[in-house]
PDB file of N, CA and C in Angstrom:
ATOM      1  N   UNK A   1     -22.648  -0.160   0.224  1.00  0.00           N
ATOM      2  CA  UNK A   1     -21.563   0.213  -0.670  1.00  0.00           C
ATOM      3  C   UNK A   1     -20.305   0.432   0.163  1.00  0.00           C
ATOM      4  N   UNK A   2     -19.183   0.077  -0.370  1.00  0.00           N
ATOM      5  CA  UNK A   2     -17.903   0.218   0.332  1.00  0.00           C
ATOM      6  C   UNK A   2     -17.255   1.561   0.027  1.00  0.00           C
ATOM      7  N   UNK A   3     -17.730   2.588   0.728  1.00  0.00           N
ATOM      8  CA  UNK A   3     -17.193   3.939   0.576  1.00  0.00           C
ATOM      9  C   UNK A   3     -16.650   4.391   1.920  1.00  0.00           C
ATOM     10  N   UNK A   4     -15.405   4.868   1.922  1.00  0.00           N
ATOM     11  CA  UNK A   4     -14.770   5.363   3.143  1.00  0.00           C
ATOM     12  C   UNK A   4     -14.575   6.869   3.026  1.00  0.00           C
ATOM     13  N   UNK A   5     -14.762   7.559   4.135  1.00  0.00           N
ATOM     14  CA  UNK A   5     -14.520   9.003   4.180  1.00  0.00           C
ATOM     15  C   UNK A   5     -13.080   9.224   4.639  1.00  0.00           C
ATOM     16  N   UNK A   6     -12.356  10.076   3.920  1.00  0.00           N
ATOM     17  CA  UNK A   6     -10.977  10.396   4.266  1.00  0.00           C
ATOM     18  C   UNK A   6     -10.907  11.828   4.769  1.00  0.00           C
ATOM     19  N   UNK A   7     -10.149  12.030   5.814  1.00  0.00           N
ATOM     20  CA  UNK A   7      -9.950  13.373   6.341  1.00  0.00           C
ATOM     21  C   UNK A   7      -8.859  13.366   7.386  1.00  0.00           C
ATOM     22  N   UNK A   8      -8.039  14.383   7.379  1.00  0.00           N
ATOM     23  CA  UNK A   8      -6.981  14.492   8.375  1.00  0.00           C
ATOM     24  C   UNK A   8      -5.967  13.358   8.335  1.00  0.00           C
ATOM     25  N   UNK A   9      -5.737  12.790   7.156  1.00  0.00           N
ATOM     26  CA  UNK A   9      -4.755  11.715   7.039  1.00  0.00           C
ATOM     27  C   UNK A   9      -5.238  10.371   7.543  1.00  0.00           C
ATOM     28  N   UNK A  10      -6.563  10.213   7.639  1.00  0.00           N
ATOM     29  CA  UNK A  10      -7.150   8.980   8.171  1.00  0.00           C
ATOM     30  C   UNK A  10      -8.324   8.552   7.296  1.00  0.00           C
ATOM     31  N   UNK A  11      -8.450   7.245   7.080  1.00  0.00           N
ATOM     32  CA  UNK A  11      -9.625   6.683   6.414  1.00  0.00           C
ATOM     33  C   UNK A  11     -10.558   6.151   7.493  1.00  0.00           C
ATOM     34  N   UNK A  12     -11.797   6.574   7.451  1.00  0.00           N
ATOM     35  CA  UNK A  12     -12.790   6.101   8.419  1.00  0.00           C
ATOM     36  C   UNK A  12     -13.422   4.825   7.870  1.00  0.00           C
ATOM     37  N   UNK A  13     -12.988   3.680   8.399  1.00  0.00           N
ATOM     38  CA  UNK A  13     -13.486   2.382   7.961  1.00  0.00           C
ATOM     39  C   UNK A  13     -14.469   1.831   8.989  1.00  0.00           C
ATOM     40  N   UNK A  14     -15.213   0.807   8.615  1.00  0.00           N
ATOM     41  CA  UNK A  14     -16.169   0.189   9.532  1.00  0.00           C
ATOM     42  C   UNK A  14     -15.467  -0.341  10.784  1.00  0.00           C
ATOM     43  N   UNK A  15     -14.248  -0.821  10.636  1.00  0.00           N
ATOM     44  CA  UNK A  15     -13.497  -1.368  11.776  1.00  0.00           C
ATOM     45  C   UNK A  15     -12.824  -0.284  12.611  1.00  0.00           C
ATOM     46  N   UNK A  16     -12.898   0.957  12.163  1.00  0.00           N
ATOM     47  CA  UNK A  16     -12.281   2.065  12.880  1.00  0.00           C
ATOM     48  C   UNK A  16     -11.369   2.860  11.975  1.00  0.00           C
ATOM     49  N   UNK A  17     -10.773   3.926  12.500  1.00  0.00           N
ATOM     50  CA  UNK A  17      -9.904   4.780  11.682  1.00  0.00           C
ATOM     51  C   UNK A  17      -8.597   4.070  11.319  1.00  0.00           C
ATOM     52  N   UNK A  18      -8.152   4.302  10.095  1.00  0.00           N
ATOM     53  CA  UNK A  18      -6.904   3.727   9.606  1.00  0.00           C
ATOM     54  C   UNK A  18      -6.036   4.857   9.071  1.00  0.00           C
ATOM     55  N   UNK A  19      -4.845   5.075   9.679  1.00  0.00           N
ATOM     56  CA  UNK A  19      -3.973   6.158   9.207  1.00  0.00           C
ATOM     57  C   UNK A  19      -3.456   5.905   7.789  1.00  0.00           C
ATOM     58  N   UNK A  20      -3.417   6.973   6.999  1.00  0.00           N
ATOM     59  CA  UNK A  20      -2.868   6.928   5.647  1.00  0.00           C
ATOM     60  C   UNK A  20      -1.477   7.530   5.709  1.00  0.00           C
ATOM     61  N   UNK A  21      -0.461   6.768   5.296  1.00  0.00           N
ATOM     62  CA  UNK A  21       0.927   7.219   5.433  1.00  0.00           C
ATOM     63  C   UNK A  21       1.705   6.970   4.144  1.00  0.00           C
ATOM     64  N   UNK A  22       2.728   7.779   3.942  1.00  0.00           N
ATOM     65  CA  UNK A  22       3.623   7.590   2.798  1.00  0.00           C
ATOM     66  C   UNK A  22       4.599   6.451   3.061  1.00  0.00           C
ATOM     67  N   UNK A  23       4.807   6.116   4.331  1.00  0.00           N
ATOM     68  CA  UNK A  23       5.720   5.046   4.720  1.00  0.00           C
ATOM     69  C   UNK A  23       5.340   4.512   6.084  1.00  0.00           C
ATOM     70  N   UNK A  24       6.035   3.494   6.541  1.00  0.00           N
ATOM     71  CA  UNK A  24       5.682   2.858   7.809  1.00  0.00           C
ATOM     72  C   UNK A  24       5.787   3.822   8.995  1.00  0.00           C
ATOM     73  N   UNK A  25       4.869   3.691   9.954  1.00  0.00           N
ATOM     74  CA  UNK A  25       4.852   4.605  11.094  1.00  0.00           C
ATOM     75  C   UNK A  25       5.903   4.300  12.149  1.00  0.00           C
ATOM     76  N   UNK A  26       6.531   3.145  12.084  1.00  0.00           N
ATOM     77  CA  UNK A  26       7.551   2.802  13.072  1.00  0.00           C
ATOM     78  C   UNK A  26       7.004   2.069  14.279  1.00  0.00           C
ATOM     79  N   UNK A  27       5.752   1.712  14.242  1.00  0.00           N
ATOM     80  CA  UNK A  27       5.142   0.974  15.338  1.00  0.00           C
ATOM     81  C   UNK A  27       4.313  -0.185  14.801  1.00  0.00           C
ATOM     82  N   UNK A  28       3.690  -0.937  15.696  1.00  0.00           N
ATOM     83  CA  UNK A  28       2.957  -2.126  15.278  1.00  0.00           C
ATOM     84  C   UNK A  28       1.528  -1.864  14.789  1.00  0.00           C
ATOM     85  N   UNK A  29       1.044  -0.635  14.921  1.00  0.00           N
ATOM     86  CA  UNK A  29      -0.345  -0.362  14.561  1.00  0.00           C
ATOM     87  C   UNK A  29      -0.562  -0.468  13.053  1.00  0.00           C
ATOM     88  N   UNK A  30      -1.754  -0.936  12.639  1.00  0.00           N
ATOM     89  CA  UNK A  30      -2.066  -1.033  11.208  1.00  0.00           C
ATOM     90  C   UNK A  30      -2.046   0.346  10.544  1.00  0.00           C
ATOM     91  N   UNK A  31      -1.664   0.352   9.282  1.00  0.00           N
ATOM     92  CA  UNK A  31      -1.622   1.596   8.516  1.00  0.00           C
ATOM     93  C   UNK A  31      -1.866   1.299   7.046  1.00  0.00           C
ATOM     94  N   UNK A  32      -2.292   2.316   6.329  1.00  0.00           N
ATOM     95  CA  UNK A  32      -2.513   2.208   4.892  1.00  0.00           C
ATOM     96  C   UNK A  32      -1.484   3.069   4.173  1.00  0.00           C
ATOM     97  N   UNK A  33      -1.017   2.572   3.052  1.00  0.00           N
ATOM     98  CA  UNK A  33      -0.076   3.331   2.228  1.00  0.00           C
ATOM     99  C   UNK A  33      -0.851   4.332   1.385  1.00  0.00           C
ATOM    100  N   UNK A  34      -0.422   5.598   1.427  1.00  0.00           N
ATOM    101  CA  UNK A  34      -1.002   6.630   0.571  1.00  0.00           C
ATOM    102  C   UNK A  34      -0.080   6.800  -0.624  1.00  0.00           C
ATOM    103  N   UNK A  35      -0.589   6.512  -1.819  1.00  0.00           N
ATOM    104  CA  UNK A  35       0.189   6.611  -3.050  1.00  0.00           C
ATOM    105  C   UNK A  35      -0.496   7.608  -3.972  1.00  0.00           C
ATOM    106  N   UNK A  36       0.254   8.578  -4.455  1.00  0.00           N
ATOM    107  CA  UNK A  36      -0.271   9.508  -5.453  1.00  0.00           C
ATOM    108  C   UNK A  36       0.092   8.970  -6.828  1.00  0.00           C
ATOM    109  N   UNK A  37      -0.922   8.670  -7.605  1.00  0.00           N
ATOM    110  CA  UNK A  37      -0.691   8.170  -8.959  1.00  0.00           C
ATOM    111  C   UNK A  37      -0.107   9.284  -9.811  1.00  0.00           C
ATOM    112  N   UNK A  38       0.719   8.943 -10.783  1.00  0.00           N
ATOM    113  CA  UNK A  38       1.333   9.966 -11.643  1.00  0.00           C
ATOM    114  C   UNK A  38       0.300  10.601 -12.579  1.00  0.00           C
ATOM    115  N   UNK A  39       0.686  11.717 -13.146  1.00  0.00           N
ATOM    116  CA  UNK A  39      -0.204  12.416 -14.074  1.00  0.00           C
ATOM    117  C   UNK A  39      -0.394  11.660 -15.387  1.00  0.00           C
ATOM    118  N   UNK A  40       0.635  10.907 -15.802  1.00  0.00           N
ATOM    119  CA  UNK A  40       0.559  10.161 -17.063  1.00  0.00           C
ATOM    120  C   UNK A  40       0.992   8.712 -16.834  1.00  0.00           C
ATOM    121  N   UNK A  41       0.717   7.878 -17.797  1.00  0.00           N
ATOM    122  CA  UNK A  41       1.079   6.465 -17.710  1.00  0.00           C
ATOM    123  C   UNK A  41       2.593   6.263 -17.671  1.00  0.00           C
ATOM    124  N   UNK A  42       3.361   7.228 -18.165  1.00  0.00           N
ATOM    125  CA  UNK A  42       4.818   7.114 -18.156  1.00  0.00           C
ATOM    126  C   UNK A  42       5.369   6.958 -16.743  1.00  0.00           C
ATOM    127  N   UNK A  43       4.696   7.484 -15.755  1.00  0.00           N
ATOM    128  CA  UNK A  43       5.169   7.414 -14.375  1.00  0.00           C
ATOM    129  C   UNK A  43       4.659   6.235 -13.579  1.00  0.00           C
ATOM    130  N   UNK A  44       3.968   5.304 -14.225  1.00  0.00           N
ATOM    131  CA  UNK A  44       3.396   4.179 -13.486  1.00  0.00           C
ATOM    132  C   UNK A  44       4.451   3.232 -12.912  1.00  0.00           C
ATOM    133  N   UNK A  45       5.560   3.055 -13.606  1.00  0.00           N
ATOM    134  CA  UNK A  45       6.611   2.150 -13.116  1.00  0.00           C
ATOM    135  C   UNK A  45       7.104   2.520 -11.728  1.00  0.00           C
ATOM    136  N   UNK A  46       7.570   3.769 -11.529  1.00  0.00           N
ATOM    137  CA  UNK A  46       8.004   4.173 -10.189  1.00  0.00           C
ATOM    138  C   UNK A  46       6.878   4.101  -9.146  1.00  0.00           C
ATOM    139  N   UNK A  47       5.656   4.419  -9.555  1.00  0.00           N
ATOM    140  CA  UNK A  47       4.531   4.347  -8.615  1.00  0.00           C
ATOM    141  C   UNK A  47       4.273   2.899  -8.202  1.00  0.00           C
ATOM    142  N   UNK A  48       4.395   1.968  -9.125  1.00  0.00           N
ATOM    143  CA  UNK A  48       4.218   0.550  -8.805  1.00  0.00           C
ATOM    144  C   UNK A  48       5.327   0.069  -7.870  1.00  0.00           C
ATOM    145  N   UNK A  49       6.526   0.607  -8.038  1.00  0.00           N
ATOM    146  CA  UNK A  49       7.621   0.261  -7.116  1.00  0.00           C
ATOM    147  C   UNK A  49       7.327   0.780  -5.708  1.00  0.00           C
ATOM    148  N   UNK A  50       6.739   1.983  -5.605  1.00  0.00           N
ATOM    149  CA  UNK A  50       6.345   2.510  -4.282  1.00  0.00           C
ATOM    150  C   UNK A  50       5.297   1.618  -3.635  1.00  0.00           C
ATOM    151  N   UNK A  51       4.354   1.144  -4.437  1.00  0.00           N
ATOM    152  CA  UNK A  51       3.333   0.222  -3.919  1.00  0.00           C
ATOM    153  C   UNK A  51       4.011  -1.022  -3.346  1.00  0.00           C
ATOM    154  N   UNK A  52       4.915  -1.618  -4.094  1.00  0.00           N
ATOM    155  CA  UNK A  52       5.604  -2.828  -3.639  1.00  0.00           C
ATOM    156  C   UNK A  52       6.386  -2.577  -2.356  1.00  0.00           C
ATOM    157  N   UNK A  53       7.085  -1.436  -2.283  1.00  0.00           N
ATOM    158  CA  UNK A  53       7.868  -1.113  -1.074  1.00  0.00           C
ATOM    159  C   UNK A  53       6.977  -0.930   0.151  1.00  0.00           C
ATOM    160  N   UNK A  54       5.872  -0.223  -0.008  1.00  0.00           N
ATOM    161  CA  UNK A  54       5.010   0.007   1.156  1.00  0.00           C
ATOM    162  C   UNK A  54       4.325  -1.278   1.607  1.00  0.00           C
ATOM    163  N   UNK A  55       3.973  -2.130   0.674  1.00  0.00           N
ATOM    164  CA  UNK A  55       3.387  -3.419   1.065  1.00  0.00           C
ATOM    165  C   UNK A  55       4.421  -4.272   1.795  1.00  0.00           C
ATOM    166  N   UNK A  56       5.657  -4.271   1.306  1.00  0.00           N
ATOM    167  CA  UNK A  56       6.722  -5.022   1.973  1.00  0.00           C
ATOM    168  C   UNK A  56       6.995  -4.467   3.367  1.00  0.00           C
ATOM    169  N   UNK A  57       6.747  -3.167   3.565  1.00  0.00           N
ATOM    170  CA  UNK A  57       6.968  -2.528   4.862  1.00  0.00           C
ATOM    171  C   UNK A  57       5.803  -2.747   5.829  1.00  0.00           C
ATOM    172  N   UNK A  58       4.730  -3.389   5.352  1.00  0.00           N
ATOM    173  CA  UNK A  58       3.645  -3.753   6.251  1.00  0.00           C
ATOM    174  C   UNK A  58       2.318  -3.039   6.081  1.00  0.00           C
ATOM    175  N   UNK A  59       2.146  -2.269   5.020  1.00  0.00           N
ATOM    176  CA  UNK A  59       0.851  -1.613   4.802  1.00  0.00           C
ATOM    177  C   UNK A  59      -0.233  -2.671   4.614  1.00  0.00           C
ATOM    178  N   UNK A  60      -1.388  -2.450   5.241  1.00  0.00           N
ATOM    179  CA  UNK A  60      -2.483  -3.413   5.116  1.00  0.00           C
ATOM    180  C   UNK A  60      -3.456  -3.034   4.002  1.00  0.00           C
ATOM    181  N   UNK A  61      -3.267  -1.847   3.417  1.00  0.00           N
ATOM    182  CA  UNK A  61      -4.142  -1.356   2.369  1.00  0.00           C
ATOM    183  C   UNK A  61      -3.364  -0.323   1.566  1.00  0.00           C
ATOM    184  N   UNK A  62      -3.661  -0.240   0.281  1.00  0.00           N
ATOM    185  CA  UNK A  62      -3.051   0.776  -0.573  1.00  0.00           C
ATOM    186  C   UNK A  62      -4.148   1.732  -1.009  1.00  0.00           C
ATOM    187  N   UNK A  63      -4.035   3.000  -0.625  1.00  0.00           N
ATOM    188  CA  UNK A  63      -4.974   4.042  -1.024  1.00  0.00           C
ATOM    189  C   UNK A  63      -4.325   4.856  -2.134  1.00  0.00           C
ATOM    190  N   UNK A  64      -5.023   4.997  -3.260  1.00  0.00           N
ATOM    191  CA  UNK A  64      -4.434   5.651  -4.426  1.00  0.00           C
ATOM    192  C   UNK A  64      -5.273   6.843  -4.858  1.00  0.00           C
ATOM    193  N   UNK A  65      -4.637   8.014  -4.872  1.00  0.00           N
ATOM    194  CA  UNK A  65      -5.236   9.231  -5.403  1.00  0.00           C
ATOM    195  C   UNK A  65      -4.466   9.643  -6.643  1.00  0.00           C
ATOM    196  N   UNK A  66      -4.914  10.677  -7.296  1.00  0.00           N
ATOM    197  CA  UNK A  66      -4.238  11.160  -8.497  1.00  0.00           C
ATOM    198  C   UNK A  66      -5.209  11.312  -9.640  1.00  0.00           C
ATOM    199  N   UNK A  67      -4.700  11.299 -10.852  1.00  0.00           N
ATOM    200  CA  UNK A  67      -5.568  11.474 -12.012  1.00  0.00           C
ATOM    201  C   UNK A  67      -6.458  10.252 -12.199  1.00  0.00           C
ATOM    202  N   UNK A  68      -7.588  10.461 -12.837  1.00  0.00           N
ATOM    203  CA  UNK A  68      -8.605   9.408 -12.949  1.00  0.00           C
ATOM    204  C   UNK A  68      -8.073   8.117 -13.567  1.00  0.00           C
ATOM    205  N   UNK A  69      -7.376   8.207 -14.677  1.00  0.00           N
ATOM    206  CA  UNK A  69      -6.901   7.002 -15.355  1.00  0.00           C
ATOM    207  C   UNK A  69      -5.797   6.315 -14.565  1.00  0.00           C
ATOM    208  N   UNK A  70      -4.780   7.050 -14.170  1.00  0.00           N
ATOM    209  CA  UNK A  70      -3.627   6.396 -13.546  1.00  0.00           C
ATOM    210  C   UNK A  70      -3.939   5.865 -12.153  1.00  0.00           C
ATOM    211  N   UNK A  71      -4.847   6.483 -11.425  1.00  0.00           N
ATOM    212  CA  UNK A  71      -5.192   5.925 -10.109  1.00  0.00           C
ATOM    213  C   UNK A  71      -5.917   4.604 -10.276  1.00  0.00           C
ATOM    214  N   UNK A  72      -6.731   4.475 -11.306  1.00  0.00           N
ATOM    215  CA  UNK A  72      -7.409   3.200 -11.565  1.00  0.00           C
ATOM    216  C   UNK A  72      -6.403   2.129 -11.986  1.00  0.00           C
ATOM    217  N   UNK A  73      -5.482   2.494 -12.873  1.00  0.00           N
ATOM    218  CA  UNK A  73      -4.476   1.532 -13.328  1.00  0.00           C
ATOM    219  C   UNK A  73      -3.593   1.070 -12.172  1.00  0.00           C
ATOM    220  N   UNK A  74      -3.216   1.996 -11.296  1.00  0.00           N
ATOM    221  CA  UNK A  74      -2.352   1.656 -10.172  1.00  0.00           C
ATOM    222  C   UNK A  74      -3.077   0.770  -9.158  1.00  0.00           C
ATOM    223  N   UNK A  75      -4.334   1.070  -8.885  1.00  0.00           N
ATOM    224  CA  UNK A  75      -5.131   0.215  -7.986  1.00  0.00           C
ATOM    225  C   UNK A  75      -5.243  -1.197  -8.556  1.00  0.00           C
ATOM    226  N   UNK A  76      -5.557  -1.269  -9.820  1.00  0.00           N
ATOM    227  CA  UNK A  76      -5.712  -2.557 -10.471  1.00  0.00           C
ATOM    228  C   UNK A  76      -4.402  -3.355 -10.419  1.00  0.00           C
ATOM    229  N   UNK A  77      -3.290  -2.706 -10.682  1.00  0.00           N
ATOM    230  CA  UNK A  77      -1.989  -3.381 -10.638  1.00  0.00           C
ATOM    231  C   UNK A  77      -1.662  -3.858  -9.227  1.00  0.00           C
ATOM    232  N   UNK A  78      -1.962  -3.051  -8.224  1.00  0.00           N
ATOM    233  CA  UNK A  78      -1.694  -3.455  -6.835  1.00  0.00           C
ATOM    234  C   UNK A  78      -2.500  -4.693  -6.468  1.00  0.00           C
ATOM    235  N   UNK A  79      -3.734  -4.758  -6.915  1.00  0.00           N
ATOM    236  CA  UNK A  79      -4.581  -5.920  -6.628  1.00  0.00           C
ATOM    237  C   UNK A  79      -4.088  -7.155  -7.370  1.00  0.00           C
ATOM    238  N   UNK A  80      -3.828  -7.000  -8.670  1.00  0.00           N
ATOM    239  CA  UNK A  80      -3.483  -8.158  -9.498  1.00  0.00           C
ATOM    240  C   UNK A  80      -2.056  -8.652  -9.277  1.00  0.00           C
ATOM    241  N   UNK A  81      -1.119  -7.728  -9.129  1.00  0.00           N
ATOM    242  CA  UNK A  81       0.284  -8.125  -9.025  1.00  0.00           C
ATOM    243  C   UNK A  81       0.711  -8.456  -7.601  1.00  0.00           C
ATOM    244  N   UNK A  82       0.061  -7.828  -6.606  1.00  0.00           N
ATOM    245  CA  UNK A  82       0.500  -8.008  -5.216  1.00  0.00           C
ATOM    246  C   UNK A  82      -0.575  -8.582  -4.308  1.00  0.00           C
ATOM    247  N   UNK A  83      -1.787  -8.755  -4.816  1.00  0.00           N
ATOM    248  CA  UNK A  83      -2.878  -9.246  -3.988  1.00  0.00           C
ATOM    249  C   UNK A  83      -3.267  -8.276  -2.887  1.00  0.00           C
ATOM    250  N   UNK A  84      -2.980  -7.000  -3.095  1.00  0.00           N
ATOM    251  CA  UNK A  84      -3.223  -5.976  -2.073  1.00  0.00           C
ATOM    252  C   UNK A  84      -4.692  -5.582  -2.012  1.00  0.00           C
ATOM    253  N   UNK A  85      -5.139  -5.228  -0.821  1.00  0.00           N
ATOM    254  CA  UNK A  85      -6.426  -4.562  -0.667  1.00  0.00           C
ATOM    255  C   UNK A  85      -6.205  -3.109  -1.074  1.00  0.00           C
ATOM    256  N   UNK A  86      -7.106  -2.575  -1.888  1.00  0.00           N
ATOM    257  CA  UNK A  86      -6.909  -1.226  -2.406  1.00  0.00           C
ATOM    258  C   UNK A  86      -8.125  -0.335  -2.191  1.00  0.00           C
ATOM    259  N   UNK A  87      -7.828   0.958  -2.057  1.00  0.00           N
ATOM    260  CA  UNK A  87      -8.864   1.978  -1.977  1.00  0.00           C
ATOM    261  C   UNK A  87      -8.598   2.998  -3.072  1.00  0.00           C
ATOM    262  N   UNK A  88      -9.535   3.138  -3.974  1.00  0.00           N
ATOM    263  CA  UNK A  88      -9.468   4.125  -5.039  1.00  0.00           C
ATOM    264  C   UNK A  88     -10.029   5.423  -4.481  1.00  0.00           C
ATOM    265  N   UNK A  89      -9.208   6.466  -4.425  1.00  0.00           N
ATOM    266  CA  UNK A  89      -9.642   7.738  -3.839  1.00  0.00           C
ATOM    267  C   UNK A  89     -10.161   8.633  -4.959  1.00  0.00           C
ATOM    268  N   UNK A  90     -11.470   8.835  -4.941  1.00  0.00           N
ATOM    269  CA  UNK A  90     -12.135   9.643  -5.964  1.00  0.00           C
ATOM    270  C   UNK A  90     -12.121  11.116  -5.574  1.00  0.00           C
ATOM    271  N   UNK A  91     -12.053  11.961  -6.572  1.00  0.00           N
ATOM    272  CA  UNK A  91     -12.217  13.381  -6.295  1.00  0.00           C
ATOM    273  C   UNK A  91     -13.690  13.722  -6.501  1.00  0.00           C
ATOM    274  N   UNK A  92     -14.100  14.840  -6.010  1.00  0.00           N
ATOM    275  CA  UNK A  92     -15.506  15.222  -6.082  1.00  0.00           C
ATOM    276  C   UNK A  92     -16.235  14.785  -4.833  1.00  0.00           C
ATOM    277  N   UNK A  93     -17.282  15.493  -4.521  1.00  0.00           N
ATOM    278  CA  UNK A  93     -17.980  15.181  -3.283  1.00  0.00           C
ATOM    279  C   UNK A  93     -19.461  14.918  -3.486  1.00  0.00           C
ATOM    280  N   UNK A  94     -19.930  14.944  -4.710  1.00  0.00           N
ATOM    281  CA  UNK A  94     -21.347  14.688  -4.954  1.00  0.00           C
ATOM    282  C   UNK A  94     -21.626  13.205  -4.702  1.00  0.00           C
ATOM    283  N   UNK A  95     -22.444  12.929  -3.718  1.00  0.00           N
ATOM    284  CA  UNK A  95     -22.680  11.557  -3.264  1.00  0.00           C
ATOM    285  C   UNK A  95     -23.094  10.604  -4.370  1.00  0.00           C
ATOM    286  N   UNK A  96     -24.006  11.004  -5.246  1.00  0.00           N
ATOM    287  CA  UNK A  96     -24.489  10.088  -6.276  1.00  0.00           C
ATOM    288  C   UNK A  96     -23.391   9.748  -7.275  1.00  0.00           C
ATOM    289  N   UNK A  97     -22.524  10.717  -7.590  1.00  0.00           N
ATOM    290  CA  UNK A  97     -21.429  10.478  -8.524  1.00  0.00           C
ATOM    291  C   UNK A  97     -20.411   9.533  -7.897  1.00  0.00           C
ATOM    292  N   UNK A  98     -20.047   9.786  -6.643  1.00  0.00           N
ATOM    293  CA  UNK A  98     -19.079   8.928  -5.958  1.00  0.00           C
ATOM    294  C   UNK A  98     -19.643   7.511  -5.824  1.00  0.00           C
ATOM    295  N   UNK A  99     -20.910   7.391  -5.493  1.00  0.00           N
ATOM    296  CA  UNK A  99     -21.515   6.068  -5.354  1.00  0.00           C
ATOM    297  C   UNK A  99     -21.501   5.306  -6.684  1.00  0.00           C
ATOM    298  N   UNK A 100     -21.811   5.980  -7.782  1.00  0.00           N
ATOM    299  CA  UNK A 100     -21.761   5.338  -9.100  1.00  0.00           C
ATOM    300  C   UNK A 100     -20.349   4.891  -9.444  1.00  0.00           C
ATOM    301  N   UNK A 101     -19.372   5.764  -9.195  1.00  0.00           N
ATOM    302  CA  UNK A 101     -17.972   5.422  -9.477  1.00  0.00           C
ATOM    303  C   UNK A 101     -17.516   4.271  -8.585  1.00  0.00           C
ATOM    304  N   UNK A 102     -17.938   4.294  -7.330  1.00  0.00           N
ATOM    305  CA  UNK A 102     -17.560   3.232  -6.396  1.00  0.00           C
ATOM    306  C   UNK A 102     -18.116   1.896  -6.864  1.00  0.00           C
ATOM    307  N   UNK A 103     -19.359   1.886  -7.217  1.00  0.00           N
ATOM    308  CA  UNK A 103     -19.985   0.639  -7.684  1.00  0.00           C
ATOM    309  C   UNK A 103     -19.237   0.091  -8.895  1.00  0.00           C
ATOM    310  N   UNK A 104     -18.928   0.946  -9.842  1.00  0.00           N
ATOM    311  CA  UNK A 104     -18.215   0.524 -11.052  1.00  0.00           C
ATOM    312  C   UNK A 104     -16.818  -0.002 -10.716  1.00  0.00           C
ATOM    313  N   UNK A 105     -16.065   0.723  -9.883  1.00  0.00           N
ATOM    314  CA  UNK A 105     -14.699   0.315  -9.535  1.00  0.00           C
ATOM    315  C   UNK A 105     -14.679  -1.011  -8.794  1.00  0.00           C
ATOM    316  N   UNK A 106     -15.597  -1.201  -7.888  1.00  0.00           N
ATOM    317  CA  UNK A 106     -15.619  -2.420  -7.078  1.00  0.00           C
ATOM    318  C   UNK A 106     -16.096  -3.612  -7.910  1.00  0.00           C
ATOM    319  N   UNK A 107     -17.179  -3.444  -8.649  1.00  0.00           N
ATOM    320  CA  UNK A 107     -17.699  -4.557  -9.449  1.00  0.00           C
ATOM    321  C   UNK A 107     -16.773  -4.949 -10.592  1.00  0.00           C
ATOM    322  N   UNK A 108     -15.977  -3.997 -11.086  1.00  0.00           N
ATOM    323  CA  UNK A 108     -15.048  -4.307 -12.180  1.00  0.00           C
ATOM    324  C   UNK A 108     -13.742  -4.909 -11.653  1.00  0.00           C
ATOM    325  N   UNK A 109     -13.559  -4.923 -10.332  1.00  0.00           N
ATOM    326  CA  UNK A 109     -12.352  -5.507  -9.758  1.00  0.00           C
ATOM    327  C   UNK A 109     -11.169  -4.568  -9.712  1.00  0.00           C
ATOM    328  N   UNK A 110     -11.394  -3.285  -9.901  1.00  0.00           N
ATOM    329  CA  UNK A 110     -10.284  -2.328  -9.876  1.00  0.00           C
ATOM    330  C   UNK A 110      -9.908  -1.907  -8.470  1.00  0.00           C
ATOM    331  N   UNK A 111     -10.823  -2.043  -7.528  1.00  0.00           N
ATOM    332  CA  UNK A 111     -10.557  -1.634  -6.145  1.00  0.00           C
ATOM    333  C   UNK A 111     -11.444  -2.414  -5.192  1.00  0.00           C
ATOM    334  N   UNK A 112     -11.049  -2.456  -3.929  1.00  0.00           N
ATOM    335  CA  UNK A 112     -11.858  -3.110  -2.913  1.00  0.00           C
ATOM    336  C   UNK A 112     -12.837  -2.158  -2.249  1.00  0.00           C
ATOM    337  N   UNK A 113     -12.445  -0.884  -2.161  1.00  0.00           N
ATOM    338  CA  UNK A 113     -13.325   0.161  -1.658  1.00  0.00           C
ATOM    339  C   UNK A 113     -12.929   1.484  -2.265  1.00  0.00           C
ATOM    340  N   UNK A 114     -13.790   2.454  -2.094  1.00  0.00           N
ATOM    341  CA  UNK A 114     -13.574   3.773  -2.674  1.00  0.00           C
ATOM    342  C   UNK A 114     -13.568   4.784  -1.545  1.00  0.00           C
ATOM    343  N   UNK A 115     -12.621   5.701  -1.609  1.00  0.00           N
ATOM    344  CA  UNK A 115     -12.529   6.761  -0.625  1.00  0.00           C
ATOM    345  C   UNK A 115     -12.938   8.083  -1.237  1.00  0.00           C
ATOM    346  N   UNK A 116     -13.517   8.911  -0.405  1.00  0.00           N
ATOM    347  CA  UNK A 116     -13.865  10.263  -0.830  1.00  0.00           C
ATOM    348  C   UNK A 116     -13.315  11.233   0.203  1.00  0.00           C
ATOM    349  N   UNK A 117     -12.714  12.291  -0.261  1.00  0.00           N
ATOM    350  CA  UNK A 117     -12.038  13.227   0.634  1.00  0.00           C
ATOM    351  C   UNK A 117     -13.037  14.147   1.315  1.00  0.00           C
ATOM    352  N   UNK A 118     -12.815  14.345   2.610  1.00  0.00           N
ATOM    353  CA  UNK A 118     -13.690  15.201   3.400  1.00  0.00           C
ATOM    354  C   UNK A 118     -13.015  16.522   3.773  1.00  0.00           C
ATOM    355  N   UNK A 119     -11.751  16.727   3.365  1.00  0.00           N
ATOM    356  CA  UNK A 119     -11.075  17.973   3.709  1.00  0.00           C
ATOM    357  C   UNK A 119     -10.395  18.611   2.528  1.00  0.00           C
TER     358      UNK A 119
END
C-alpha cells in the first residue's frame, strides 16, 4: 500500500525523505508542496491557484491536508487538471482505517499516495 508517514515537515517515502513546504526552498533539492484545503468548497478556487503556483515553482508532489471532502476534491483536481502526483493527508492514526481510506483514494484515482501524520 502507498502510505507515507509525515512528521517534522517531511514525508518519509520509499526513495527517502521529501520536505513538505508552502513554497520553493530556494535550492535544487526536490520538495513537495504542502496545501491546506479550505473548510468549504467555496475556497477551492484560491486553493487550486496555490496548487498551480507551487507546481510551476517546481514542486514534485502536492500534499493536501484539511477537511475530508475538500482535501479529496483538491487532490483530484491537481491530478486531473495539472497531472500532478498527489498525496492525500488523512487525519487519524488507526492503521486499519488509514489503510482502508488509502486503498479507496488510490484505486478511485483521487490520489497517488496517502500520508498519515506522526506528530
